[in-house]
Amino acid sequence: MDSVFDELYRKYHHDVFQFLYYMVNNREQAEDLVQEVYIRVLKSYKQFEGKSSEKTWLFSIARNVAIDSFRKQKNWRQRILEKFDWSEQQVKDDAPIPEEITLQQEEIQFVYQCLNDCTLDQKMVIIMRYIQELSITETAVVLDWTESKVKTTQHRALKALRQKVEEKLEKEGSRGEKVRVER
């Protein structure tokens, strides 16, 4: 079991931590939740039947650990909406110039702020599909949904996110115009 556990940890620790960090937006809490995930893995690995990949199994556990954590907190749905702050997202380009980094971070932060207005289900699907790069099948397994529900939620999430971005751009654009007119 030790070698299997070590292999799971080596392969997926970063992804599990990143997922939990996006969910709780707190490094220490995410680290604690990762520990809880691996405690559950140790306790339940014998029951793992291999019907899904180990990665989707781990993400299912991580999802449940996050939800359990939110349930322990007062108003967990509201807290998760408040906790999403994606400003810590790292730019993946190895050698961008500082101006590019700043612009990319601002654009990413803008989109993530708009994501805050999406539902919890929409956020989870976007995180799993586009940040964690899980397939539709893997996402369905993690969320215990049908693939059809994942596709529908993904479609609605992207549509809602696009609308939020457009609304926010219009709002900021109209503010800018008002400032110019008033001058």
N, C-alpha and C. Protein backbone atom coordinates (compact mmCIF):
# COMPACT_ATOMS: atom_id res chain seq x y z
N MET A 1 0.82 -1.20 0.00
CA MET A 1 0.00 0.00 0.00
C MET A 1 0.86 1.26 0.00
N ASP A 2 2.00 1.23 0.70
CA ASP A 2 2.86 2.41 0.76
C ASP A 2 3.30 2.85 -0.63
N SER A 3 3.72 1.89 -1.46
CA SER A 3 4.19 2.27 -2.80
C SER A 3 3.04 2.80 -3.64
N VAL A 4 1.85 2.22 -3.51
CA VAL A 4 0.68 2.71 -4.24
C VAL A 4 0.33 4.12 -3.77
N PHE A 5 0.33 4.31 -2.46
CA PHE A 5 0.03 5.63 -1.91
C PHE A 5 1.07 6.65 -2.38
N ASP A 6 2.35 6.29 -2.30
CA ASP A 6 3.41 7.19 -2.74
C ASP A 6 3.23 7.56 -4.20
N GLU A 7 2.86 6.60 -5.02
CA GLU A 7 2.66 6.84 -6.45
C GLU A 7 1.47 7.79 -6.68
N LEU A 8 0.37 7.56 -5.97
CA LEU A 8 -0.79 8.45 -6.07
C LEU A 8 -0.42 9.87 -5.65
N TYR A 9 0.30 9.95 -4.57
CA TYR A 9 0.70 11.25 -4.05
C TYR A 9 1.62 11.96 -5.05
N ARG A 10 2.59 11.25 -5.57
CA ARG A 10 3.54 11.83 -6.51
C ARG A 10 2.84 12.31 -7.78
N LYS A 11 1.93 11.51 -8.29
CA LYS A 11 1.26 11.85 -9.56
C LYS A 11 0.26 12.98 -9.42
N TYR A 12 -0.50 13.00 -8.34
CA TYR A 12 -1.68 13.85 -8.29
C TYR A 12 -1.71 14.90 -7.19
N HIS A 13 -0.69 14.92 -6.35
CA HIS A 13 -0.72 15.86 -5.22
C HIS A 13 -0.93 17.30 -5.69
N HIS A 14 -0.18 17.73 -6.66
CA HIS A 14 -0.28 19.12 -7.11
C HIS A 14 -1.68 19.43 -7.65
N ASP A 15 -2.22 18.54 -8.45
CA ASP A 15 -3.56 18.76 -9.01
C ASP A 15 -4.63 18.81 -7.92
N VAL A 16 -4.54 17.91 -6.96
CA VAL A 16 -5.51 17.88 -5.87
C VAL A 16 -5.39 19.16 -5.03
N PHE A 17 -4.15 19.54 -4.74
CA PHE A 17 -3.94 20.77 -3.97
C PHE A 17 -4.49 21.97 -4.73
N GLN A 18 -4.18 22.06 -6.01
CA GLN A 18 -4.63 23.19 -6.82
C GLN A 18 -6.16 23.26 -6.85
N PHE A 19 -6.81 22.13 -7.04
CA PHE A 19 -8.27 22.10 -7.05
C PHE A 19 -8.83 22.61 -5.73
N LEU A 20 -8.29 22.09 -4.62
CA LEU A 20 -8.79 22.50 -3.31
C LEU A 20 -8.47 23.96 -3.02
N TYR A 21 -7.32 24.43 -3.48
CA TYR A 21 -6.98 25.83 -3.29
C TYR A 21 -7.98 26.72 -4.02
N TYR A 22 -8.32 26.37 -5.26
CA TYR A 22 -9.31 27.15 -6.00
C TYR A 22 -10.67 27.11 -5.29
N MET A 23 -10.98 26.02 -4.66
CA MET A 23 -12.26 25.91 -3.99
C MET A 23 -12.32 26.76 -2.72
N VAL A 24 -11.24 26.79 -1.93
CA VAL A 24 -11.28 27.48 -0.63
C VAL A 24 -10.50 28.79 -0.60
N ASN A 25 -9.63 29.00 -1.59
CA ASN A 25 -8.84 30.23 -1.69
C ASN A 25 -8.05 30.54 -0.42
N ASN A 26 -7.53 29.51 0.17
CA ASN A 26 -6.73 29.68 1.38
C ASN A 26 -5.71 28.55 1.40
N ARG A 27 -4.44 28.91 1.34
CA ARG A 27 -3.38 27.91 1.22
C ARG A 27 -3.37 26.94 2.40
N GLU A 28 -3.46 27.46 3.60
CA GLU A 28 -3.40 26.60 4.79
C GLU A 28 -4.60 25.65 4.83
N GLN A 29 -5.77 26.20 4.54
CA GLN A 29 -6.96 25.35 4.55
C GLN A 29 -6.87 24.29 3.44
N ALA A 30 -6.37 24.68 2.28
CA ALA A 30 -6.21 23.72 1.19
C ALA A 30 -5.23 22.62 1.59
N GLU A 31 -4.15 22.98 2.26
CA GLU A 31 -3.19 21.98 2.72
C GLU A 31 -3.84 21.02 3.71
N ASP A 32 -4.64 21.56 4.62
CA ASP A 32 -5.35 20.71 5.58
C ASP A 32 -6.32 19.77 4.86
N LEU A 33 -7.02 20.30 3.87
CA LEU A 33 -7.97 19.48 3.13
C LEU A 33 -7.26 18.40 2.32
N VAL A 34 -6.09 18.72 1.78
CA VAL A 34 -5.32 17.70 1.05
C VAL A 34 -4.96 16.56 2.00
N GLN A 35 -4.57 16.91 3.20
CA GLN A 35 -4.27 15.87 4.19
C GLN A 35 -5.50 15.00 4.44
N GLU A 36 -6.65 15.63 4.56
CA GLU A 36 -7.89 14.88 4.77
C GLU A 36 -8.18 13.97 3.58
N VAL A 37 -7.91 14.45 2.37
CA VAL A 37 -8.10 13.62 1.18
C VAL A 37 -7.26 12.36 1.29
N TYR A 38 -5.98 12.53 1.62
CA TYR A 38 -5.10 11.36 1.66
C TYR A 38 -5.38 10.45 2.86
N ILE A 39 -5.92 11.00 3.92
CA ILE A 39 -6.37 10.15 5.03
C ILE A 39 -7.51 9.26 4.55
N ARG A 40 -8.45 9.88 3.82
CA ARG A 40 -9.57 9.10 3.28
C ARG A 40 -9.09 8.08 2.25
N VAL A 41 -8.08 8.45 1.48
CA VAL A 41 -7.52 7.50 0.50
C VAL A 41 -6.95 6.29 1.23
N LEU A 42 -6.18 6.53 2.28
CA LEU A 42 -5.61 5.42 3.05
C LEU A 42 -6.68 4.52 3.64
N LYS A 43 -7.76 5.14 4.13
CA LYS A 43 -8.82 4.36 4.75
C LYS A 43 -9.66 3.58 3.75
N SER A 44 -9.77 4.11 2.53
CA SER A 44 -10.72 3.50 1.60
C SER A 44 -10.10 2.89 0.35
N TYR A 45 -8.79 2.85 0.25
CA TYR A 45 -8.17 2.35 -0.97
C TYR A 45 -8.55 0.89 -1.25
N LYS A 46 -8.74 0.11 -0.22
CA LYS A 46 -9.11 -1.30 -0.41
C LYS A 46 -10.48 -1.43 -1.09
N GLN A 47 -11.33 -0.41 -0.92
CA GLN A 47 -12.66 -0.45 -1.54
C GLN A 47 -12.65 0.10 -2.96
N PHE A 48 -11.53 0.68 -3.40
CA PHE A 48 -11.44 1.23 -4.76
C PHE A 48 -11.53 0.07 -5.74
N GLU A 49 -12.57 0.12 -6.58
CA GLU A 49 -12.86 -0.99 -7.48
C GLU A 49 -12.26 -0.80 -8.87
N GLY A 50 -11.72 0.36 -9.15
CA GLY A 50 -11.13 0.60 -10.45
C GLY A 50 -12.14 0.88 -11.55
N LYS A 51 -13.37 1.24 -11.16
CA LYS A 51 -14.38 1.56 -12.17
C LYS A 51 -14.09 2.89 -12.84
N SER A 52 -13.30 3.71 -12.19
CA SER A 52 -12.85 4.98 -12.76
C SER A 52 -11.33 5.02 -12.60
N SER A 53 -10.73 6.05 -13.16
CA SER A 53 -9.28 6.19 -13.00
C SER A 53 -8.98 6.62 -11.56
N GLU A 54 -7.75 6.43 -11.16
CA GLU A 54 -7.36 6.85 -9.81
C GLU A 54 -7.50 8.37 -9.67
N LYS A 55 -7.21 9.08 -10.76
CA LYS A 55 -7.31 10.54 -10.73
C LYS A 55 -8.74 10.99 -10.47
N THR A 56 -9.69 10.42 -11.17
CA THR A 56 -11.08 10.83 -10.95
C THR A 56 -11.56 10.40 -9.57
N TRP A 57 -11.07 9.26 -9.11
CA TRP A 57 -11.40 8.81 -7.75
C TRP A 57 -10.87 9.81 -6.73
N LEU A 58 -9.63 10.26 -6.90
CA LEU A 58 -9.05 11.24 -5.99
C LEU A 58 -9.82 12.57 -6.02
N PHE A 59 -10.18 13.00 -7.22
CA PHE A 59 -10.94 14.25 -7.33
C PHE A 59 -12.32 14.12 -6.72
N SER A 60 -12.92 12.95 -6.80
CA SER A 60 -14.21 12.74 -6.14
C SER A 60 -14.06 12.89 -4.63
N ILE A 61 -13.00 12.31 -4.11
CA ILE A 61 -12.73 12.43 -2.67
C ILE A 61 -12.46 13.90 -2.32
N ALA A 62 -11.65 14.57 -3.14
CA ALA A 62 -11.32 15.98 -2.88
C ALA A 62 -12.58 16.85 -2.91
N ARG A 63 -13.44 16.57 -3.88
CA ARG A 63 -14.71 17.32 -3.97
C ARG A 63 -15.52 17.12 -2.71
N ASN A 64 -15.64 15.88 -2.25
CA ASN A 64 -16.41 15.59 -1.05
C ASN A 64 -15.79 16.22 0.19
N VAL A 65 -14.47 16.21 0.27
CA VAL A 65 -13.78 16.83 1.40
C VAL A 65 -14.06 18.33 1.41
N ALA A 66 -14.02 18.97 0.24
CA ALA A 66 -14.29 20.40 0.15
C ALA A 66 -15.72 20.71 0.56
N ILE A 67 -16.65 19.93 0.05
CA ILE A 67 -18.06 20.16 0.39
C ILE A 67 -18.30 19.92 1.88
N ASP A 68 -17.69 18.87 2.44
CA ASP A 68 -17.81 18.63 3.88
C ASP A 68 -17.27 19.81 4.67
N SER A 69 -16.17 20.37 4.21
CA SER A 69 -15.59 21.53 4.88
C SER A 69 -16.53 22.72 4.82
N PHE A 70 -17.12 22.95 3.65
CA PHE A 70 -18.06 24.07 3.53
C PHE A 70 -19.30 23.86 4.39
N ARG A 71 -19.74 22.63 4.47
CA ARG A 71 -20.93 22.33 5.28
C ARG A 71 -20.67 22.60 6.76
N LYS A 72 -19.43 22.41 7.16
CA LYS A 72 -19.08 22.68 8.56
C LYS A 72 -19.10 24.17 8.85
N GLN A 73 -18.95 24.96 7.82
CA GLN A 73 -18.95 26.41 8.00
C GLN A 73 -20.37 26.93 7.83
N LYS A 74 -20.62 28.02 8.46
CA LYS A 74 -21.94 28.64 8.35
C LYS A 74 -22.11 29.19 6.94
N ASN A 75 -23.30 28.98 6.38
CA ASN A 75 -23.62 29.48 5.04
C ASN A 75 -22.58 29.05 4.01
N TRP A 76 -22.35 27.77 3.86
CA TRP A 76 -21.26 27.27 3.02
C TRP A 76 -21.39 27.70 1.57
N ARG A 77 -22.58 27.80 1.04
CA ARG A 77 -22.70 28.23 -0.35
C ARG A 77 -22.24 29.67 -0.53
N GLN A 78 -22.64 30.54 0.39
CA GLN A 78 -22.22 31.93 0.30
C GLN A 78 -20.71 32.03 0.50
N ARG A 79 -20.17 31.24 1.41
CA ARG A 79 -18.74 31.31 1.67
C ARG A 79 -17.93 30.87 0.47
N ILE A 80 -18.40 29.87 -0.25
CA ILE A 80 -17.62 29.46 -1.42
C ILE A 80 -17.64 30.55 -2.49
N LEU A 81 -18.75 31.24 -2.61
CA LEU A 81 -18.81 32.34 -3.57
C LEU A 81 -17.84 33.45 -3.17
N GLU A 82 -17.71 33.69 -1.89
CA GLU A 82 -16.79 34.72 -1.41
C GLU A 82 -15.33 34.26 -1.49
N LYS A 83 -15.10 32.96 -1.40
CA LYS A 83 -13.74 32.45 -1.31
C LYS A 83 -13.01 32.41 -2.65
N PHE A 84 -13.72 32.40 -3.75
CA PHE A 84 -13.03 32.32 -5.03
C PHE A 84 -12.30 33.61 -5.32
N ASP A 85 -10.99 33.55 -5.30
CA ASP A 85 -10.14 34.66 -5.72
C ASP A 85 -9.04 34.05 -6.55
N TRP A 86 -9.10 34.31 -7.81
CA TRP A 86 -8.18 33.63 -8.72
C TRP A 86 -6.99 34.51 -9.04
N SER A 87 -6.78 35.53 -8.27
CA SER A 87 -5.68 36.44 -8.54
C SER A 87 -4.33 35.77 -8.35
N GLU A 88 -4.29 34.64 -7.69
CA GLU A 88 -3.04 33.93 -7.46
C GLU A 88 -2.67 33.01 -8.63
N GLN A 89 -3.51 32.97 -9.66
CA GLN A 89 -3.24 32.08 -10.79
C GLN A 89 -1.88 32.42 -11.39
N GLN A 90 -1.07 31.42 -11.60
CA GLN A 90 0.25 31.61 -12.16
C GLN A 90 0.18 31.62 -13.68
N VAL A 91 0.92 32.51 -14.29
CA VAL A 91 1.03 32.54 -15.74
C VAL A 91 1.93 31.38 -16.14
N LYS A 92 1.50 30.58 -17.10
CA LYS A 92 2.22 29.36 -17.43
C LYS A 92 3.35 29.58 -18.43
N ASP A 93 3.39 30.73 -19.10
CA ASP A 93 4.44 31.01 -20.05
C ASP A 93 5.76 31.14 -19.29
N ASP A 94 6.80 30.45 -19.76
CA ASP A 94 8.06 30.42 -19.03
C ASP A 94 8.85 31.73 -19.09
N ALA A 95 8.75 32.47 -20.18
CA ALA A 95 9.61 33.64 -20.31
C ALA A 95 8.88 34.85 -20.88
N PRO A 96 7.74 35.21 -20.35
CA PRO A 96 7.08 36.40 -20.87
C PRO A 96 7.75 37.67 -20.32
N ILE A 97 7.57 38.74 -21.04
CA ILE A 97 8.11 40.00 -20.54
C ILE A 97 7.17 40.54 -19.47
N PRO A 98 7.65 41.43 -18.60
CA PRO A 98 6.82 41.91 -17.49
C PRO A 98 5.48 42.51 -17.93
N GLU A 99 5.47 43.26 -19.02
CA GLU A 99 4.22 43.85 -19.49
C GLU A 99 3.21 42.78 -19.86
N GLU A 100 3.69 41.69 -20.48
CA GLU A 100 2.80 40.59 -20.84
C GLU A 100 2.25 39.91 -19.59
N ILE A 101 3.09 39.75 -18.62
CA ILE A 101 2.66 39.12 -17.37
C ILE A 101 1.55 39.95 -16.73
N THR A 102 1.77 41.24 -16.65
CA THR A 102 0.79 42.13 -16.04
C THR A 102 -0.53 42.09 -16.79
N LEU A 103 -0.47 42.18 -18.11
CA LEU A 103 -1.67 42.15 -18.92
C LEU A 103 -2.40 40.82 -18.78
N GLN A 104 -1.65 39.71 -18.83
CA GLN A 104 -2.27 38.39 -18.69
C GLN A 104 -2.91 38.24 -17.32
N GLN A 105 -2.23 38.67 -16.29
CA GLN A 105 -2.78 38.55 -14.95
C GLN A 105 -4.04 39.38 -14.79
N GLU A 106 -4.06 40.56 -15.37
CA GLU A 106 -5.25 41.40 -15.30
C GLU A 106 -6.42 40.75 -16.04
N GLU A 107 -6.14 40.19 -17.22
CA GLU A 107 -7.19 39.53 -18.00
C GLU A 107 -7.72 38.29 -17.28
N ILE A 108 -6.80 37.49 -16.74
CA ILE A 108 -7.19 36.29 -16.01
C ILE A 108 -8.01 36.68 -14.78
N GLN A 109 -7.54 37.67 -14.05
CA GLN A 109 -8.25 38.11 -12.85
C GLN A 109 -9.64 38.62 -13.22
N PHE A 110 -9.75 39.33 -14.32
CA PHE A 110 -11.04 39.86 -14.76
C PHE A 110 -12.02 38.71 -15.03
N VAL A 111 -11.56 37.69 -15.76
CA VAL A 111 -12.42 36.54 -16.06
C VAL A 111 -12.78 35.80 -14.78
N TYR A 112 -11.83 35.63 -13.89
CA TYR A 112 -12.11 34.94 -12.63
C TYR A 112 -13.08 35.71 -11.77
N GLN A 113 -13.01 37.04 -11.79
CA GLN A 113 -13.98 37.84 -11.05
C GLN A 113 -15.38 37.63 -11.61
N CYS A 114 -15.47 37.53 -12.92
CA CYS A 114 -16.77 37.28 -13.54
C CYS A 114 -17.27 35.87 -13.18
N LEU A 115 -16.35 34.94 -13.03
CA LEU A 115 -16.72 33.58 -12.66
C LEU A 115 -17.37 33.54 -11.27
N ASN A 116 -17.03 34.51 -10.43
CA ASN A 116 -17.63 34.59 -9.10
C ASN A 116 -19.15 34.73 -9.16
N ASP A 117 -19.65 35.26 -10.27
CA ASP A 117 -21.09 35.45 -10.41
C ASP A 117 -21.81 34.21 -10.93
N CYS A 118 -21.06 33.18 -11.28
CA CYS A 118 -21.66 31.92 -11.75
C CYS A 118 -22.09 31.08 -10.55
N THR A 119 -22.88 30.06 -10.81
CA THR A 119 -23.31 29.17 -9.73
C THR A 119 -22.16 28.28 -9.29
N LEU A 120 -22.32 27.65 -8.14
CA LEU A 120 -21.31 26.74 -7.62
C LEU A 120 -21.06 25.59 -8.60
N ASP A 121 -22.11 25.01 -9.14
CA ASP A 121 -21.96 23.92 -10.10
C ASP A 121 -21.20 24.37 -11.34
N GLN A 122 -21.53 25.56 -11.83
CA GLN A 122 -20.85 26.08 -13.00
C GLN A 122 -19.36 26.29 -12.72
N LYS A 123 -19.04 26.83 -11.55
CA LYS A 123 -17.63 27.03 -11.18
C LYS A 123 -16.88 25.71 -11.12
N MET A 124 -17.50 24.71 -10.47
CA MET A 124 -16.82 23.42 -10.35
C MET A 124 -16.55 22.82 -11.73
N VAL A 125 -17.51 22.91 -12.63
CA VAL A 125 -17.32 22.35 -13.96
C VAL A 125 -16.21 23.10 -14.69
N ILE A 126 -16.21 24.42 -14.61
CA ILE A 126 -15.17 25.20 -15.29
C ILE A 126 -13.79 24.89 -14.70
N ILE A 127 -13.70 24.79 -13.40
CA ILE A 127 -12.41 24.46 -12.77
C ILE A 127 -11.93 23.09 -13.24
N MET A 128 -12.81 22.12 -13.18
CA MET A 128 -12.41 20.76 -13.54
C MET A 128 -12.10 20.62 -15.02
N ARG A 129 -12.90 21.22 -15.87
CA ARG A 129 -12.73 21.05 -17.31
C ARG A 129 -11.58 21.89 -17.87
N TYR A 130 -11.45 23.14 -17.43
CA TYR A 130 -10.51 24.05 -18.07
C TYR A 130 -9.25 24.33 -17.27
N ILE A 131 -9.31 24.18 -15.97
CA ILE A 131 -8.10 24.40 -15.17
C ILE A 131 -7.44 23.07 -14.86
N GLN A 132 -8.23 22.10 -14.39
CA GLN A 132 -7.68 20.79 -14.09
C GLN A 132 -7.61 19.90 -15.33
N GLU A 133 -8.24 20.33 -16.41
CA GLU A 133 -8.21 19.65 -17.70
C GLU A 133 -8.71 18.21 -17.63
N LEU A 134 -9.77 18.01 -16.84
CA LEU A 134 -10.41 16.69 -16.79
C LEU A 134 -11.33 16.56 -18.01
N SER A 135 -11.49 15.35 -18.47
CA SER A 135 -12.41 15.10 -19.58
C SER A 135 -13.85 15.20 -19.06
N ILE A 136 -14.79 15.19 -19.99
CA ILE A 136 -16.20 15.22 -19.59
C ILE A 136 -16.52 13.98 -18.76
N THR A 137 -16.01 12.84 -19.18
CA THR A 137 -16.25 11.60 -18.45
C THR A 137 -15.67 11.67 -17.05
N GLU A 138 -14.44 12.14 -16.94
CA GLU A 138 -13.80 12.25 -15.62
C GLU A 138 -14.55 13.24 -14.73
N THR A 139 -14.97 14.35 -15.31
CA THR A 139 -15.72 15.34 -14.54
C THR A 139 -17.04 14.75 -14.05
N ALA A 140 -17.70 13.99 -14.92
CA ALA A 140 -18.96 13.35 -14.53
C ALA A 140 -18.75 12.39 -13.36
N VAL A 141 -17.67 11.63 -13.41
CA VAL A 141 -17.37 10.69 -12.33
C VAL A 141 -17.10 11.45 -11.02
N VAL A 142 -16.28 12.50 -11.10
CA VAL A 142 -15.93 13.27 -9.92
C VAL A 142 -17.18 13.88 -9.28
N LEU A 143 -18.05 14.45 -10.10
CA LEU A 143 -19.23 15.13 -9.59
C LEU A 143 -20.41 14.20 -9.34
N ASP A 144 -20.25 12.94 -9.77
CA ASP A 144 -21.32 11.96 -9.66
C ASP A 144 -22.55 12.43 -10.45
N TRP A 145 -22.28 12.91 -11.65
CA TRP A 145 -23.31 13.38 -12.57
C TRP A 145 -23.26 12.53 -13.83
N THR A 146 -24.25 12.70 -14.67
CA THR A 146 -24.19 12.09 -16.00
C THR A 146 -23.31 12.98 -16.88
N GLU A 147 -22.79 12.38 -17.94
CA GLU A 147 -21.99 13.17 -18.89
C GLU A 147 -22.86 14.27 -19.51
N SER A 148 -24.11 13.96 -19.72
CA SER A 148 -25.03 14.93 -20.29
C SER A 148 -25.17 16.15 -19.38
N LYS A 149 -25.26 15.92 -18.08
CA LYS A 149 -25.38 17.03 -17.14
C LYS A 149 -24.10 17.87 -17.14
N VAL A 150 -22.95 17.21 -17.24
CA VAL A 150 -21.68 17.95 -17.29
C VAL A 150 -21.66 18.83 -18.55
N LYS A 151 -22.04 18.26 -19.68
CA LYS A 151 -22.04 19.02 -20.93
C LYS A 151 -23.01 20.20 -20.85
N THR A 152 -24.19 19.95 -20.32
CA THR A 152 -25.19 21.01 -20.20
C THR A 152 -24.70 22.10 -19.26
N THR A 153 -24.17 21.70 -18.11
CA THR A 153 -23.67 22.68 -17.14
C THR A 153 -22.50 23.45 -17.71
N GLN A 154 -21.61 22.75 -18.43
CA GLN A 154 -20.47 23.42 -19.05
C GLN A 154 -20.96 24.45 -20.07
N HIS A 155 -21.92 24.06 -20.90
CA HIS A 155 -22.46 24.98 -21.90
C HIS A 155 -23.06 26.21 -21.23
N ARG A 156 -23.87 25.98 -20.21
CA ARG A 156 -24.51 27.08 -19.50
C ARG A 156 -23.48 27.94 -18.76
N ALA A 157 -22.47 27.30 -18.21
CA ALA A 157 -21.44 28.03 -17.48
C ALA A 157 -20.66 28.95 -18.42
N LEU A 158 -20.30 28.43 -19.58
CA LEU A 158 -19.56 29.25 -20.54
C LEU A 158 -20.43 30.40 -21.05
N LYS A 159 -21.70 30.12 -21.27
CA LYS A 159 -22.63 31.15 -21.73
C LYS A 159 -22.79 32.22 -20.64
N ALA A 160 -22.97 31.78 -19.40
CA ALA A 160 -23.12 32.72 -18.28
C ALA A 160 -21.85 33.54 -18.09
N LEU A 161 -20.70 32.87 -18.17
CA LEU A 161 -19.43 33.56 -17.99
C LEU A 161 -19.22 34.60 -19.10
N ARG A 162 -19.52 34.22 -20.31
CA ARG A 162 -19.40 35.15 -21.44
C ARG A 162 -20.30 36.37 -21.21
N GLN A 163 -21.52 36.13 -20.76
CA GLN A 163 -22.46 37.22 -20.50
C GLN A 163 -21.95 38.13 -19.38
N LYS A 164 -21.42 37.52 -18.32
CA LYS A 164 -20.90 38.31 -17.19
C LYS A 164 -19.72 39.17 -17.64
N VAL A 165 -18.86 38.59 -18.49
CA VAL A 165 -17.71 39.35 -18.99
C VAL A 165 -18.19 40.53 -19.82
N GLU A 166 -19.15 40.28 -20.71
CA GLU A 166 -19.66 41.35 -21.57
C GLU A 166 -20.33 42.44 -20.74
N GLU A 167 -21.12 42.04 -19.74
CA GLU A 167 -21.79 43.02 -18.89
C GLU A 167 -20.77 43.87 -18.13
N LYS A 168 -19.77 43.21 -17.61
CA LYS A 168 -18.76 43.93 -16.84
C LYS A 168 -17.96 44.87 -17.74
N LEU A 169 -17.66 44.43 -18.95
CA LEU A 169 -16.94 45.29 -19.89
C LEU A 169 -17.78 46.50 -20.26
N GLU A 170 -19.08 46.26 -20.51
CA GLU A 170 -19.98 47.37 -20.83
C GLU A 170 -20.06 48.35 -19.67
N LYS A 171 -20.18 47.81 -18.47
CA LYS A 171 -20.28 48.65 -17.28
C LYS A 171 -19.02 49.50 -17.12
N GLU A 172 -17.87 48.86 -17.25
CA GLU A 172 -16.61 49.60 -17.12
C GLU A 172 -16.42 50.56 -18.27
N GLY A 173 -16.86 50.17 -19.46
CA GLY A 173 -16.77 51.05 -20.61
C GLY A 173 -17.64 52.28 -20.45
N SER A 174 -18.86 52.07 -19.93
CA SER A 174 -19.77 53.21 -19.74
C SER A 174 -19.26 54.13 -18.64
N ARG A 175 -18.61 53.56 -17.64
CA ARG A 175 -18.02 54.40 -16.59
C ARG A 175 -16.93 55.27 -17.18
N GLY A 176 -16.11 54.62 -18.03
CA GLY A 176 -15.02 55.36 -18.67
C GLY A 176 -15.56 56.48 -19.54
N GLU A 177 -16.67 56.22 -20.25
CA GLU A 177 -17.27 57.24 -21.10
C GLU A 177 -17.82 58.37 -20.25
N LYS A 178 -18.45 58.04 -19.14
CA LYS A 178 -19.00 59.07 -18.26
C LYS A 178 -17.89 59.97 -17.73
N VAL A 179 -16.78 59.35 -17.39
CA VAL A 179 -15.66 60.13 -16.88
C VAL A 179 -15.18 61.08 -17.97
N ARG A 180 -15.07 60.59 -19.19
CA ARG A 180 -14.61 61.44 -20.29
C ARG A 180 -15.61 62.57 -20.58
N VAL A 181 -16.89 62.25 -20.52
CA VAL A 181 -17.90 63.26 -20.80
C VAL A 181 -17.89 64.33 -19.72
N GLU A 182 -17.72 63.93 -18.49
CA GLU A 182 -17.75 64.88 -17.38
C GLU A 182 -16.53 65.81 -17.39
N ARG A 183 -15.45 65.37 -17.96
CA ARG A 183 -14.25 66.19 -17.97
C ARG A 183 -14.45 67.30 -18.89
